[in-house]
Amino acid sequence: MLEFLLVVGLVVGLIVDPRNPRELAEALARFADPQTRSTLRERARRSGATLTPEAVAALILDSVARVRMLRSDRTVRARQNHADRAEA
């Protein structure tokens, strides 16, 4: 089954398993349709315009901050659990 790639909330391409000939053929058949190509091309242009280096850097920094926060929360909980067990 074909899956859609979502980038910034817009469908901009198709994802297929390159080892699956049936999926590749289905994707090529979809791209053969002029309306599909036009729609995907326009959506890719719109999403590409928002993916400036600054915007991508902000997304990366936000993701790193979220991971750090999650790790910190886990560390605090693990230490608290360890302290609770030591007191029991």
N, C-alpha and C. Protein backbone atom coordinates (compact mmCIF):
# COMPACT_ATOMS: atom_id res chain seq x y z
N MET A 1 0.84 -1.19 0.00
CA MET A 1 0.00 0.00 0.00
C MET A 1 0.89 1.24 0.00
N LEU A 2 0.53 2.22 -0.81
CA LEU A 2 1.30 3.45 -0.89
C LEU A 2 1.04 4.32 0.32
N GLU A 3 2.09 4.99 0.78
CA GLU A 3 1.95 5.93 1.87
C GLU A 3 2.30 7.31 1.35
N PHE A 4 1.73 8.32 1.97
CA PHE A 4 2.04 9.69 1.59
C PHE A 4 3.05 10.27 2.55
N LEU A 5 3.93 11.07 2.03
CA LEU A 5 4.93 11.78 2.84
C LEU A 5 4.34 13.12 3.23
N LEU A 6 4.27 13.38 4.51
CA LEU A 6 3.74 14.65 4.99
C LEU A 6 4.90 15.53 5.41
N VAL A 7 4.97 16.70 4.83
CA VAL A 7 5.99 17.67 5.19
C VAL A 7 5.28 18.99 5.42
N VAL A 8 5.40 19.51 6.62
CA VAL A 8 4.76 20.75 7.00
C VAL A 8 3.27 20.70 6.66
N GLY A 9 2.66 19.55 6.92
CA GLY A 9 1.23 19.40 6.75
C GLY A 9 0.76 19.27 5.31
N LEU A 10 1.66 19.16 4.37
CA LEU A 10 1.27 19.04 2.96
C LEU A 10 1.77 17.73 2.37
N VAL A 11 0.97 17.13 1.52
CA VAL A 11 1.41 15.92 0.82
C VAL A 11 2.29 16.37 -0.34
N VAL A 12 3.55 15.93 -0.34
CA VAL A 12 4.47 16.40 -1.37
C VAL A 12 5.14 15.27 -2.14
N GLY A 13 4.78 14.03 -1.86
CA GLY A 13 5.40 12.93 -2.59
C GLY A 13 4.82 11.61 -2.17
N LEU A 14 5.34 10.56 -2.75
CA LEU A 14 4.89 9.21 -2.43
C LEU A 14 6.07 8.42 -1.88
N ILE A 15 5.80 7.58 -0.91
CA ILE A 15 6.82 6.70 -0.36
C ILE A 15 6.45 5.28 -0.76
N VAL A 16 7.40 4.59 -1.34
CA VAL A 16 7.17 3.19 -1.71
C VAL A 16 8.38 2.37 -1.29
N ASP A 17 8.15 1.10 -1.09
CA ASP A 17 9.24 0.17 -0.82
C ASP A 17 9.94 -0.11 -2.15
N PRO A 18 11.20 0.30 -2.31
CA PRO A 18 11.87 0.13 -3.60
C PRO A 18 12.08 -1.33 -3.98
N ARG A 19 11.90 -2.24 -3.01
CA ARG A 19 12.04 -3.67 -3.32
C ARG A 19 10.72 -4.30 -3.74
N ASN A 20 9.65 -3.50 -3.75
CA ASN A 20 8.33 -4.02 -4.07
C ASN A 20 7.92 -3.53 -5.46
N PRO A 21 8.04 -4.38 -6.48
CA PRO A 21 7.73 -3.96 -7.85
C PRO A 21 6.29 -3.47 -8.02
N ARG A 22 5.36 -4.08 -7.31
CA ARG A 22 3.96 -3.66 -7.43
C ARG A 22 3.78 -2.23 -6.93
N GLU A 23 4.38 -1.90 -5.77
CA GLU A 23 4.28 -0.54 -5.25
C GLU A 23 4.94 0.47 -6.17
N LEU A 24 6.09 0.09 -6.72
CA LEU A 24 6.77 1.00 -7.66
C LEU A 24 5.90 1.25 -8.87
N ALA A 25 5.29 0.20 -9.41
CA ALA A 25 4.43 0.35 -10.58
C ALA A 25 3.22 1.22 -10.27
N GLU A 26 2.62 1.04 -9.10
CA GLU A 26 1.47 1.86 -8.71
C GLU A 26 1.88 3.33 -8.58
N ALA A 27 3.04 3.58 -8.00
CA ALA A 27 3.50 4.96 -7.85
C ALA A 27 3.75 5.60 -9.21
N LEU A 28 4.39 4.86 -10.10
CA LEU A 28 4.64 5.39 -11.44
C LEU A 28 3.33 5.66 -12.17
N ALA A 29 2.36 4.79 -12.00
CA ALA A 29 1.05 5.01 -12.63
C ALA A 29 0.40 6.28 -12.08
N ARG A 30 0.54 6.52 -10.79
CA ARG A 30 -0.04 7.74 -10.20
C ARG A 30 0.66 8.98 -10.74
N PHE A 31 2.00 8.90 -10.88
CA PHE A 31 2.74 10.05 -11.42
C PHE A 31 2.45 10.28 -12.90
N ALA A 32 1.97 9.25 -13.59
CA ALA A 32 1.62 9.42 -15.00
C ALA A 32 0.40 10.32 -15.17
N ASP A 33 -0.41 10.44 -14.14
CA ASP A 33 -1.59 11.30 -14.19
C ASP A 33 -1.16 12.76 -14.10
N PRO A 34 -1.47 13.57 -15.11
CA PRO A 34 -1.04 14.98 -15.09
C PRO A 34 -1.55 15.75 -13.87
N GLN A 35 -2.77 15.49 -13.45
CA GLN A 35 -3.32 16.21 -12.29
C GLN A 35 -2.55 15.88 -11.03
N THR A 36 -2.20 14.60 -10.84
CA THR A 36 -1.42 14.20 -9.67
C THR A 36 -0.06 14.89 -9.67
N ARG A 37 0.60 14.87 -10.83
CA ARG A 37 1.91 15.54 -10.93
C ARG A 37 1.80 17.02 -10.62
N SER A 38 0.79 17.66 -11.17
CA SER A 38 0.60 19.09 -10.96
C SER A 38 0.34 19.40 -9.49
N THR A 39 -0.52 18.61 -8.87
CA THR A 39 -0.84 18.83 -7.45
C THR A 39 0.38 18.63 -6.58
N LEU A 40 1.10 17.54 -6.78
CA LEU A 40 2.29 17.27 -5.97
C LEU A 40 3.37 18.33 -6.19
N ARG A 41 3.53 18.76 -7.45
CA ARG A 41 4.53 19.78 -7.76
C ARG A 41 4.20 21.09 -7.03
N GLU A 42 2.94 21.51 -7.08
CA GLU A 42 2.54 22.76 -6.43
C GLU A 42 2.70 22.67 -4.91
N ARG A 43 2.31 21.55 -4.33
CA ARG A 43 2.45 21.38 -2.88
C ARG A 43 3.91 21.35 -2.47
N ALA A 44 4.75 20.73 -3.29
CA ALA A 44 6.19 20.70 -2.98
C ALA A 44 6.77 22.11 -3.04
N ARG A 45 6.34 22.89 -4.02
CA ARG A 45 6.83 24.29 -4.11
C ARG A 45 6.44 25.09 -2.88
N ARG A 46 5.17 24.93 -2.46
CA ARG A 46 4.70 25.68 -1.28
C ARG A 46 5.45 25.26 -0.02
N SER A 47 5.62 23.96 0.17
CA SER A 47 6.31 23.51 1.38
C SER A 47 7.79 23.84 1.32
N GLY A 48 8.38 23.76 0.13
CA GLY A 48 9.80 24.09 -0.02
C GLY A 48 10.09 25.54 0.30
N ALA A 49 9.14 26.40 0.03
CA ALA A 49 9.34 27.82 0.32
C ALA A 49 9.42 28.08 1.81
N THR A 50 8.81 27.21 2.61
CA THR A 50 8.84 27.40 4.06
C THR A 50 10.05 26.73 4.71
N LEU A 51 10.76 25.92 3.96
CA LEU A 51 11.90 25.19 4.53
C LEU A 51 13.21 25.93 4.29
N THR A 52 13.27 27.15 4.79
CA THR A 52 14.50 27.92 4.70
C THR A 52 15.52 27.33 5.67
N PRO A 53 16.80 27.62 5.48
CA PRO A 53 17.80 27.12 6.43
C PRO A 53 17.48 27.52 7.88
N GLU A 54 16.98 28.73 8.06
CA GLU A 54 16.66 29.18 9.41
C GLU A 54 15.50 28.37 10.00
N ALA A 55 14.48 28.08 9.17
CA ALA A 55 13.33 27.32 9.65
C ALA A 55 13.72 25.88 9.98
N VAL A 56 14.57 25.29 9.15
CA VAL A 56 15.03 23.92 9.41
C VAL A 56 15.87 23.89 10.68
N ALA A 57 16.74 24.87 10.84
CA ALA A 57 17.56 24.94 12.06
C ALA A 57 16.67 25.06 13.29
N ALA A 58 15.62 25.87 13.21
CA ALA A 58 14.71 26.02 14.35
C ALA A 58 14.01 24.70 14.66
N LEU A 59 13.60 23.96 13.63
CA LEU A 59 12.97 22.65 13.84
C LEU A 59 13.93 21.68 14.53
N ILE A 60 15.18 21.68 14.08
CA ILE A 60 16.18 20.79 14.67
C ILE A 60 16.43 21.16 16.13
N LEU A 61 16.62 22.44 16.40
CA LEU A 61 16.86 22.88 17.77
C LEU A 61 15.68 22.56 18.67
N ASP A 62 14.47 22.73 18.17
CA ASP A 62 13.27 22.40 18.95
C ASP A 62 13.24 20.90 19.25
N SER A 63 13.56 20.09 18.26
CA SER A 63 13.58 18.63 18.47
C SER A 63 14.62 18.23 19.50
N VAL A 64 15.80 18.82 19.43
CA VAL A 64 16.86 18.52 20.40
C VAL A 64 16.41 18.93 21.81
N ALA A 65 15.78 20.09 21.92
CA ALA A 65 15.31 20.55 23.23
C ALA A 65 14.27 19.59 23.80
N ARG A 66 13.38 19.10 22.95
CA ARG A 66 12.36 18.15 23.41
C ARG A 66 12.98 16.85 23.90
N VAL A 67 13.97 16.35 23.16
CA VAL A 67 14.64 15.11 23.57
C VAL A 67 15.35 15.32 24.89
N ARG A 68 16.03 16.44 25.04
CA ARG A 68 16.72 16.72 26.30
C ARG A 68 15.74 16.79 27.46
N MET A 69 14.59 17.41 27.24
CA MET A 69 13.59 17.52 28.30
C MET A 69 13.07 16.13 28.68
N LEU A 70 12.80 15.30 27.68
CA LEU A 70 12.33 13.94 27.97
C LEU A 70 13.38 13.14 28.75
N ARG A 71 14.63 13.26 28.33
CA ARG A 71 15.70 12.55 29.04
C ARG A 71 15.85 13.04 30.46
N SER A 72 15.73 14.34 30.64
CA SER A 72 15.84 14.92 31.98
C SER A 72 14.71 14.42 32.86
N ASP A 73 13.49 14.39 32.34
CA ASP A 73 12.34 13.90 33.10
C ASP A 73 12.55 12.44 33.50
N ARG A 74 13.07 11.64 32.59
CA ARG A 74 13.31 10.23 32.90
C ARG A 74 14.37 10.08 33.98
N THR A 75 15.41 10.90 33.90
CA THR A 75 16.49 10.84 34.89
C THR A 75 15.95 11.20 36.28
N VAL A 76 15.15 12.26 36.34
CA VAL A 76 14.58 12.68 37.62
C VAL A 76 13.69 11.57 38.19
N ARG A 77 12.84 10.97 37.35
CA ARG A 77 11.97 9.89 37.83
C ARG A 77 12.78 8.68 38.28
N ALA A 78 13.83 8.34 37.55
CA ALA A 78 14.65 7.19 37.92
C ALA A 78 15.34 7.44 39.26
N ARG A 79 15.85 8.64 39.45
CA ARG A 79 16.50 8.95 40.73
C ARG A 79 15.50 8.92 41.87
N GLN A 80 14.31 9.42 41.62
CA GLN A 80 13.27 9.41 42.66
C GLN A 80 12.88 7.97 43.00
N ASN A 81 12.72 7.14 41.99
CA ASN A 81 12.38 5.73 42.23
C ASN A 81 13.48 5.02 43.02
N HIS A 82 14.73 5.33 42.68
CA HIS A 82 15.85 4.73 43.38
C HIS A 82 15.85 5.18 44.86
N ALA A 83 15.61 6.47 45.08
CA ALA A 83 15.59 7.00 46.45
C ALA A 83 14.44 6.38 47.24
N ASP A 84 13.27 6.23 46.58
CA ASP A 84 12.12 5.63 47.25
C ASP A 84 12.40 4.19 47.67
N ARG A 85 13.07 3.45 46.78
CA ARG A 85 13.40 2.04 47.11
C ARG A 85 14.43 1.96 48.22
N ALA A 86 15.38 2.91 48.24
CA ALA A 86 16.40 2.90 49.27
C ALA A 86 15.80 3.19 50.64
N GLU A 87 14.75 4.01 50.67
CA GLU A 87 14.10 4.34 51.95
C GLU A 87 13.24 3.19 52.45
N ALA A 88 12.74 2.36 51.53
CA ALA A 88 11.81 1.28 51.94
C ALA A 88 12.50 0.12 52.59
